[in-house]
Protein backbone atom coordinates (compact mmCIF):
# COMPACT_ATOMS: atom_id res chain seq x y z
CA UNK A 1 2.51 122.45 -39.42
CA UNK A 2 0.70 123.01 -36.14
CA UNK A 3 1.56 126.06 -34.07
CA UNK A 4 4.13 125.33 -31.38
CA UNK A 5 4.09 126.72 -27.86
CA UNK A 6 5.63 126.15 -24.45
CA UNK A 7 3.73 124.14 -21.84
CA UNK A 8 5.29 123.16 -18.51
CA UNK A 9 8.74 123.78 -19.93
CA UNK A 10 8.17 121.59 -23.00
CA UNK A 11 7.61 122.60 -26.60
CA UNK A 12 4.39 121.13 -27.95
CA UNK A 13 2.40 121.38 -31.16
CA UNK A 14 -0.85 120.74 -29.32
CA UNK A 15 -0.86 117.00 -29.87
CA UNK A 16 2.68 115.90 -28.99
CA UNK A 17 5.97 117.22 -27.67
CA UNK A 18 8.44 118.71 -30.14
CA UNK A 19 12.18 118.26 -29.67
CA UNK A 20 14.25 120.59 -31.82
CA UNK A 21 17.27 119.00 -33.48
CA UNK A 22 18.73 121.33 -36.06
CA UNK A 23 21.63 123.14 -37.63
CA UNK A 24 22.53 126.74 -38.36
CA UNK A 25 23.18 127.86 -41.90
CA UNK A 26 24.93 131.09 -42.99
CA UNK A 27 23.15 134.39 -43.53
CA UNK A 28 20.84 134.16 -46.56
CA UNK A 29 22.47 137.08 -48.37
CA UNK A 30 25.84 135.38 -47.90
CA UNK A 31 24.45 132.16 -49.39
CA UNK A 32 22.51 133.47 -52.35
CA UNK A 33 24.47 136.57 -53.39
CA UNK A 34 28.07 136.24 -52.22
CA UNK A 35 28.28 132.54 -53.08
CA UNK A 36 25.45 132.06 -55.58
CA UNK A 37 24.26 128.95 -53.74
CA UNK A 38 20.63 127.80 -53.80
CA UNK A 39 18.91 128.47 -50.47
CA UNK A 40 16.17 125.99 -51.32
CA UNK A 41 18.67 123.25 -52.08
CA UNK A 42 20.52 123.83 -48.82
CA UNK A 43 17.28 123.73 -46.82
CA UNK A 44 16.23 120.54 -48.59
CA UNK A 45 19.65 119.12 -47.75
CA UNK A 46 19.12 119.99 -44.07
CA UNK A 47 15.78 118.18 -44.12
CA UNK A 48 17.13 115.15 -45.97
CA UNK A 49 19.84 114.64 -43.37
CA UNK A 50 17.18 114.12 -40.71
CA UNK A 51 17.06 117.48 -38.92
CA UNK A 52 13.65 118.91 -38.03
CA UNK A 53 14.66 122.53 -37.68
CA UNK A 54 17.05 125.16 -39.00
CA UNK A 55 18.50 128.33 -37.52
CA UNK A 56 18.85 131.25 -39.92
CA UNK A 57 21.13 134.11 -38.83
CA UNK A 58 20.25 137.65 -39.83
CA UNK A 59 23.33 139.86 -39.76
CA UNK A 60 22.25 143.26 -38.41
CA UNK A 61 24.64 144.98 -40.82
CA UNK A 62 23.13 143.31 -43.86
CA UNK A 63 19.61 144.04 -42.62
CA UNK A 64 20.56 147.70 -42.17
CA UNK A 65 22.45 148.03 -45.46
CA UNK A 66 20.07 146.24 -47.83
CA UNK A 67 16.71 147.92 -48.30
CA UNK A 68 13.94 145.34 -48.16
CA UNK A 69 16.27 142.66 -46.76
CA UNK A 70 13.46 140.53 -45.33
CA UNK A 71 11.43 140.55 -48.54
CA UNK A 72 14.48 139.84 -50.68
CA UNK A 73 15.96 137.02 -48.63
CA UNK A 74 13.98 135.85 -45.60
CA UNK A 75 10.46 135.54 -47.06
CA UNK A 76 11.54 132.73 -49.37
CA UNK A 77 13.30 130.79 -46.61
CA UNK A 78 10.34 131.06 -44.25
CA UNK A 79 8.05 129.72 -46.98
CA UNK A 80 10.40 126.89 -47.95
CA UNK A 81 10.91 125.76 -44.35
CA UNK A 82 7.15 125.54 -43.88
CA UNK A 83 6.81 123.49 -47.08
CA UNK A 84 9.58 121.16 -45.91
CA UNK A 85 8.19 120.80 -42.41
CA UNK A 86 11.20 122.47 -40.77
CA UNK A 87 10.89 124.66 -37.71
CA UNK A 88 12.62 127.95 -38.47
CA UNK A 89 14.61 129.98 -35.93
CA UNK A 90 15.29 133.55 -37.05
CA UNK A 91 18.39 134.72 -35.19
CA UNK A 92 19.40 138.38 -34.85
CA UNK A 93 23.12 137.69 -35.16
CA UNK A 94 24.64 140.47 -33.11
CA UNK A 95 27.86 139.84 -31.16
CA UNK A 96 29.13 142.18 -28.45
CA UNK A 97 27.87 144.62 -25.83
CA UNK A 98 24.58 146.33 -26.77
CA UNK A 99 24.66 148.52 -23.66
CA UNK A 100 28.03 150.14 -24.43
CA UNK A 101 27.47 149.74 -28.20
CA UNK A 102 30.70 147.78 -28.66
CA UNK A 103 30.52 145.29 -31.49
CA UNK A 104 32.85 142.29 -31.47
CA UNK A 105 35.11 142.12 -34.52
CA UNK A 106 34.48 145.70 -35.74
CA UNK A 107 36.84 144.99 -38.62
CA UNK A 108 34.15 142.80 -40.19
CA UNK A 109 31.94 145.21 -42.08
CA UNK A 110 30.22 145.91 -45.36
CA UNK A 111 30.69 149.20 -47.14
CA UNK A 112 28.13 150.99 -49.25
CA UNK A 113 28.31 154.56 -50.53
CA UNK A 114 31.20 155.25 -48.20
CA UNK A 115 29.32 154.07 -45.10
CA UNK A 116 30.33 151.05 -42.99
CA UNK A 117 27.81 148.47 -41.81
CA UNK A 118 29.11 146.12 -39.12
CA UNK A 119 28.28 142.47 -39.69
CA UNK A 120 27.45 141.82 -36.04
CA UNK A 121 26.22 145.32 -35.16
CA UNK A 122 25.02 145.46 -31.55
CA UNK A 123 23.28 148.84 -31.82
CA UNK A 124 20.23 148.32 -29.64
CA UNK A 125 18.00 150.76 -31.51
CA UNK A 126 18.69 148.82 -34.71
CA UNK A 127 17.74 145.63 -32.86
CA UNK A 128 14.47 147.20 -31.69
CA UNK A 129 13.72 148.29 -35.25
CA UNK A 130 14.67 144.90 -36.63
CA UNK A 131 12.46 142.96 -34.23
CA UNK A 132 9.48 145.19 -34.87
CA UNK A 133 9.91 144.47 -38.58
CA UNK A 134 10.66 140.74 -38.23
CA UNK A 135 7.94 139.94 -35.70
CA UNK A 136 5.22 141.85 -37.53
CA UNK A 137 6.17 140.14 -40.79
CA UNK A 138 6.51 136.54 -39.54
CA UNK A 139 4.66 136.59 -36.24
CA UNK A 140 1.74 134.67 -37.69
CA UNK A 141 3.90 131.86 -39.07
CA UNK A 142 3.27 128.80 -36.91
CA UNK A 143 6.71 127.26 -37.43
CA UNK A 144 8.82 130.37 -36.81
CA UNK A 145 10.78 130.96 -33.59
CA UNK A 146 12.49 134.24 -32.75
CA UNK A 147 16.02 134.32 -31.24
CA UNK A 148 16.49 137.89 -30.13
CA UNK A 149 20.30 138.19 -30.03
CA UNK A 150 23.11 135.81 -30.88
CA UNK A 151 25.87 136.50 -28.35
CA UNK A 152 25.64 139.35 -25.82
CA UNK A 153 29.22 139.80 -24.66
CA UNK A 154 31.27 139.71 -22.64
CA UNK A 155 30.02 138.67 -19.21
CA UNK A 156 30.22 140.72 -16.06
CA UNK A 157 33.97 141.19 -16.46
CA UNK A 158 35.60 143.28 -19.17
CA UNK A 159 37.87 141.72 -21.79
CA UNK A 160 40.65 144.23 -22.29
CA UNK A 161 42.19 142.47 -25.27
CA UNK A 162 38.84 142.82 -27.08
CA UNK A 163 38.18 146.33 -25.74
CA UNK A 164 34.68 145.38 -24.60
CA UNK A 165 33.23 146.69 -21.33
CA UNK A 166 31.39 144.38 -18.88
CA UNK A 167 27.81 143.47 -19.70
CA UNK A 168 25.66 142.94 -16.63
CA UNK A 169 22.62 140.68 -16.70
CA UNK A 170 20.39 143.24 -14.95
CA UNK A 171 21.11 145.81 -17.67
CA UNK A 172 20.75 143.36 -20.53
CA UNK A 173 17.60 141.90 -19.00
CA UNK A 174 15.90 145.30 -19.35
CA UNK A 175 16.67 145.35 -23.08
CA UNK A 176 15.43 141.79 -23.47
CA UNK A 177 12.17 142.79 -21.81
CA UNK A 178 11.74 145.61 -24.31
CA UNK A 179 12.42 143.29 -27.25
CA UNK A 180 9.97 140.79 -25.74
CA UNK A 181 7.34 143.53 -25.58
CA UNK A 182 8.04 144.61 -29.17
CA UNK A 183 7.56 141.04 -30.40
CA UNK A 184 4.44 140.52 -28.29
CA UNK A 185 2.77 143.48 -30.00
CA UNK A 186 2.30 141.26 -33.05
CA UNK A 187 3.12 137.67 -32.10
CA UNK A 188 2.89 135.09 -29.33
CA UNK A 189 5.40 132.77 -31.04
CA UNK A 190 8.26 131.15 -29.14
CA UNK A 191 11.04 133.58 -28.27
CA UNK A 192 14.61 132.55 -27.37
CA UNK A 193 16.42 134.94 -25.02
CA UNK A 194 20.20 135.05 -24.74
CA UNK A 195 22.19 135.31 -21.49
CA UNK A 196 25.36 137.39 -21.21
CA UNK A 197 28.82 135.85 -21.51
CA UNK A 198 28.54 134.93 -25.21
CA UNK A 199 25.17 133.27 -24.52
CA UNK A 200 26.62 131.06 -21.80
CA UNK A 201 26.19 132.59 -18.32
CA UNK A 202 22.82 131.00 -17.68
CA UNK A 203 23.26 131.14 -13.90
CA UNK A 204 22.31 134.84 -13.84
CA UNK A 205 19.05 133.92 -15.57
CA UNK A 206 18.22 131.41 -12.84
CA UNK A 207 18.30 134.22 -10.27
CA UNK A 208 16.34 136.78 -12.31
CA UNK A 209 14.60 135.30 -15.35
CA UNK A 210 12.60 137.37 -17.81
CA UNK A 211 8.90 136.95 -17.13
CA UNK A 212 6.41 135.92 -19.79
CA UNK A 213 4.94 133.05 -21.74
CA UNK A 214 6.61 131.09 -24.53
CA UNK A 215 10.10 132.21 -23.50
CA UNK A 216 13.15 129.97 -23.79
CA UNK A 217 16.85 130.60 -23.22
CA UNK A 218 19.83 130.03 -25.47
CA UNK A 219 23.22 128.65 -24.57
CA UNK A 220 26.44 128.28 -26.62
CA UNK A 221 28.58 125.64 -24.89
CA UNK A 222 31.67 125.33 -27.09
CA UNK A 223 34.70 123.15 -26.19
CA UNK A 224 36.34 126.00 -24.28
CA UNK A 225 33.53 125.76 -21.71
CA UNK A 226 34.60 122.89 -19.48
CA UNK A 227 31.75 123.32 -17.00
CA UNK A 228 28.82 123.03 -19.43
CA UNK A 229 27.42 119.88 -17.81
CA UNK A 230 27.21 121.37 -14.33
CA UNK A 231 25.67 124.58 -15.62
CA UNK A 232 23.04 122.80 -17.71
CA UNK A 233 22.19 120.54 -14.78
CA UNK A 234 21.60 123.63 -12.62
CA UNK A 235 19.38 125.02 -15.38
CA UNK A 236 17.33 121.83 -15.71
CA UNK A 237 14.12 123.68 -14.84
CA UNK A 238 14.69 126.30 -17.56
CA UNK A 239 13.46 125.71 -21.12
CA UNK A 240 16.91 125.63 -22.71
CA UNK A 241 17.98 125.64 -26.36
CA UNK A 242 21.62 125.15 -27.31
CA UNK A 243 21.48 127.31 -30.42
CA UNK A 244 25.17 126.80 -31.19
CA UNK A 245 27.61 123.99 -30.50
CA UNK A 246 30.33 122.30 -32.48
CA UNK A 247 34.04 121.64 -32.63
CA UNK A 248 37.05 121.72 -34.90
CA UNK A 249 40.12 119.54 -34.59
CA UNK A 250 43.65 120.95 -34.67
CA UNK A 251 42.63 124.60 -34.91
CA UNK A 252 44.07 127.82 -33.50
CA UNK A 253 40.71 129.05 -32.18
CA UNK A 254 40.70 127.85 -28.57
CA UNK A 255 36.96 128.22 -28.09
CA UNK A 256 36.12 125.64 -30.77
CA UNK A 257 39.11 123.30 -30.45
CA UNK A 258 37.84 119.84 -29.58
CA UNK A 259 37.12 116.34 -30.80
CA UNK A 260 34.45 113.66 -30.83
CA UNK A 261 35.40 111.80 -27.66
CA UNK A 262 36.21 114.65 -25.29
CA UNK A 263 33.40 116.96 -26.43
CA UNK A 264 31.08 115.94 -29.26
CA UNK A 265 29.75 112.64 -27.99
CA UNK A 266 29.54 113.73 -24.37
CA UNK A 267 27.56 116.89 -24.96
CA UNK A 268 25.23 115.34 -27.55
CA UNK A 269 24.46 112.40 -25.26
CA UNK A 270 23.72 114.83 -22.44
CA UNK A 271 21.40 116.98 -24.56
CA UNK A 272 19.54 113.94 -25.85
CA UNK A 273 19.17 112.36 -22.41
CA UNK A 274 18.00 115.62 -20.83
CA UNK A 275 15.86 116.84 -23.73
CA UNK A 276 17.87 120.00 -24.33
CA UNK A 277 17.00 121.31 -27.80
CA UNK A 278 20.04 121.86 -30.02
CA UNK A 279 21.35 123.42 -33.24
CA UNK A 280 24.80 122.53 -34.55
CA UNK A 281 27.01 125.25 -36.02
CA UNK A 282 27.58 125.39 -38.96
CA UNK A 283 25.95 123.57 -41.91
CA UNK A 284 28.49 125.08 -44.27
CA UNK A 285 31.84 124.67 -46.00
CA UNK A 286 33.32 128.04 -44.96
CA UNK A 287 32.03 129.28 -41.60
CA UNK A 288 33.81 127.45 -38.74
CA UNK A 289 33.35 125.07 -37.20
CA UNK A 290 32.12 123.94 -40.61
CA UNK A 291 30.56 120.54 -41.30
CA UNK A 292 31.70 120.22 -44.91
CA UNK A 293 35.13 120.34 -46.52
CA UNK A 294 33.74 121.73 -49.73
CA UNK A 295 30.33 122.83 -51.04
CA UNK A 296 27.63 121.62 -48.66
CA UNK A 297 25.90 119.56 -51.32
CA UNK A 298 28.93 117.27 -51.42
CA UNK A 299 29.70 114.28 -49.24
CA UNK A 300 33.10 115.60 -48.14
CA UNK A 301 32.56 115.99 -44.41
CA UNK A 302 34.80 117.36 -41.69
CA UNK A 303 35.23 115.24 -38.55
CA UNK A 304 32.56 117.41 -36.88
CA UNK A 305 30.22 117.04 -39.83
CA UNK A 306 30.74 113.30 -40.13
CA UNK A 307 30.03 112.83 -36.43
CA UNK A 308 26.82 114.88 -36.48
CA UNK A 309 25.45 113.34 -39.68
CA UNK A 310 25.99 109.82 -38.33
CA UNK A 311 24.40 110.75 -35.02
CA UNK A 312 21.30 112.42 -36.46
CA UNK A 313 20.81 109.41 -38.72
CA UNK A 314 21.11 107.07 -35.75
CA UNK A 315 18.83 109.17 -33.53
CA UNK A 316 16.06 109.60 -36.07
CA UNK A 317 16.14 106.14 -37.70
């Protein structure tokens, strides 16, 4: 695969433009250890469905808890994706406020030797350490893209029910600049930066973007976000990557409750027409909104999964 870079707001491999159409899979430790699934088979399945890229979340807690996490789990996936011709996004899957060190869903943790490791740990020093490790290890891989943080949250207003203090773009922007600098010490690969507000408040970025080359911005427009079209239209000059989107019918989780007609088709058509790169969440049978009713090698699809598989087949045929 040729090295990809950003030119005039477009991703190119030096000879032609590259449009990322992909899916997210679960954390590699979750796949291979907790479930005893084959990572290679899942990645081959992603490729066979017609996607050209895959997003691989790295849970900060797993990275912190498991010595040699990258060597044990990520090395293989990076190699396989290159062999398959898949672009590979490595996503530091923190959720919450890194400034106040408040992790969303603190009840989700691993325990080892009496110590708790939060799945979505937002500890910023751990993120700095992780990105120094990840970027130095994979910074020379032509097909690898770095997504520095999954969902910085909340926005510039506190959410009392979640006990999370406000996260202001100016404060978070400083941390993003430091992570950018850490990565640039060893790599000039594409880097995806996340806005506050659960990776949705892109309007703050328009006013004060992070400076640098090969920088893109993530966005997570789930069904709860009714104004996604207007916001993405305002951000038309930004290199934007929707690193998560998806829906689930008849569910209790308001943020993902949607259907094909009111959400799925409209947002996919918009992203395709406006060349907004995208990754559907989640190519899995457990993590919601899931695409499969049972093991992902099967043909038992959810409504979300059936819609996306039909559409990627249509788009790429």
